Protein backbone atom coordinates (compact mmCIF):
# COMPACT_ATOMS: atom_id res chain seq x y z
CA SER A 1 -67.66 -3.13 -32.27
CA SER A 2 -68.29 -4.89 -28.93
CA PHE A 3 -66.38 -4.11 -25.77
CA GLN A 4 -66.25 -5.77 -22.41
CA VAL A 5 -67.57 -4.12 -19.28
CA TYR A 6 -65.84 -5.50 -16.04
CA ILE A 7 -67.87 -5.73 -12.94
CA ILE A 8 -65.55 -5.31 -9.91
CA GLU A 9 -66.28 -5.95 -6.30
CA VAL A 10 -64.90 -3.18 -4.10
CA SER A 11 -64.76 -3.33 -0.30
CA VAL A 12 -63.69 -0.76 2.14
CA GLY A 13 -64.12 -1.40 5.77
CA ASN A 14 -67.62 -2.83 6.14
CA HIS A 15 -68.86 -1.34 2.83
CA GLN A 16 -68.92 -3.50 -0.20
CA TRP A 17 -70.25 -2.58 -3.67
CA THR A 18 -69.60 -3.21 -7.34
CA VAL A 19 -68.36 -0.79 -10.06
CA LYS A 20 -68.70 -1.44 -13.74
CA HIS A 21 -65.98 -0.05 -16.09
CA ARG A 22 -64.48 -0.80 -19.46
CA TYR A 23 -60.71 -1.53 -19.52
CA SER A 24 -60.20 1.90 -21.11
CA ASP A 25 -61.66 3.56 -17.99
CA PHE A 26 -59.09 1.63 -15.95
CA HIS A 27 -56.32 2.73 -18.33
CA ASP A 28 -57.42 6.38 -18.07
CA LEU A 29 -57.50 6.24 -14.27
CA HIS A 30 -54.18 4.61 -14.22
CA GLU A 31 -52.55 7.22 -16.44
CA LYS A 32 -53.81 9.99 -14.09
CA LEU A 33 -52.58 8.22 -10.96
CA VAL A 34 -49.19 7.49 -12.49
CA SER A 35 -48.69 11.18 -13.47
CA GLU A 36 -50.28 12.64 -10.34
CA LYS A 37 -49.46 10.14 -7.55
CA LYS A 38 -46.29 8.53 -9.05
CA ILE A 39 -47.74 5.00 -8.64
CA ASP A 40 -46.07 2.19 -10.42
CA LYS A 41 -46.96 2.26 -14.17
CA ASN A 42 -46.72 -1.55 -14.33
CA LEU A 43 -49.44 -2.02 -11.72
CA LEU A 44 -52.24 -2.10 -14.24
CA PRO A 45 -52.64 -5.40 -16.03
CA PRO A 46 -51.59 -4.92 -19.71
CA LYS A 47 -54.05 -4.44 -22.51
CA LYS A 48 -54.34 -7.70 -24.57
CA ILE A 49 -55.59 -7.64 -28.11
CA ILE A 50 -55.71 -11.28 -29.16
CA GLY A 51 -58.69 -13.14 -27.89
CA LYS A 52 -59.73 -10.31 -25.71
CA ASN A 53 -63.31 -11.40 -25.42
CA SER A 54 -62.66 -15.01 -24.68
CA LYS A 55 -64.44 -16.10 -21.48
CA SER A 56 -61.33 -17.23 -19.70
CA LEU A 57 -59.33 -14.02 -20.58
CA VAL A 58 -62.33 -11.83 -19.43
CA GLU A 59 -62.37 -13.79 -16.06
CA LYS A 60 -58.62 -13.53 -15.67
CA ARG A 61 -58.57 -9.85 -16.37
CA GLN A 62 -61.49 -9.11 -14.08
CA LYS A 63 -59.60 -10.79 -11.24
CA GLU A 64 -56.42 -8.73 -12.17
CA LEU A 65 -58.39 -5.49 -12.22
CA GLU A 66 -60.00 -6.44 -8.71
CA VAL A 67 -56.46 -6.92 -7.44
CA TYR A 68 -55.45 -3.67 -9.05
CA LEU A 69 -58.03 -1.67 -7.23
CA GLN A 70 -57.45 -3.43 -3.95
CA THR A 71 -53.80 -2.53 -4.29
CA LEU A 72 -54.69 1.14 -4.85
CA LEU A 73 -56.88 1.17 -1.81
CA VAL A 74 -54.04 -0.27 0.22
CA LYS A 75 -51.77 2.50 -1.15
CA PHE A 76 -54.21 5.30 -0.22
CA PRO A 77 -55.64 3.91 3.16
CA VAL A 78 -56.73 7.32 4.60
CA THR A 79 -57.72 9.52 1.63
CA ALA A 80 -58.06 8.16 -1.95
CA PRO A 81 -57.10 10.58 -4.65
CA LYS A 82 -60.13 12.36 -6.11
CA VAL A 83 -59.85 10.60 -9.41
CA LEU A 84 -59.88 7.16 -7.70
CA SER A 85 -62.75 8.09 -5.34
CA HIS A 86 -64.73 9.22 -8.39
CA PHE A 87 -63.94 5.99 -10.27
CA LEU A 88 -65.08 3.87 -7.34
CA HIS A 89 -68.20 5.85 -6.85
CA PHE A 90 -67.23 6.59 -3.13
CA HIS A 91 -69.58 9.48 -3.13
CA LEU A 92 -72.56 7.12 -3.53
CA TYR A 93 -71.55 4.60 -0.93
CA VAL A 94 -69.29 5.89 1.77
CA SER A 95 -70.76 8.55 4.07
C-alpha cells in the first residue's frame, strides 16, 4: 500500500530546514505530547481516510501539519520536549 510522506518546513530563529514524516509519525508524536505535556489533543489535524492521497488533500494537510509544528514551537519557546526535538531533528541543525 502507498503512503504519503509530508515534507514540512521548520524554522527556529535564523535556522530553517525541512523534515519528512508520515502522518502516523505526527500522530505518534502528538500522542506522546498529549500524555506528557498535556497539549490540546485537538491540535493535530484529523486523520482522513477518503481521498487521502488526492493532491488537494495532501497539500491541505501539509499546510495543517506545518501550522501544527509551528504551534508546538510557540508553545515550547525555550526548551522543546525531547520527543519534539527528536522529531524535528534539532540535533542535526541547531547547535
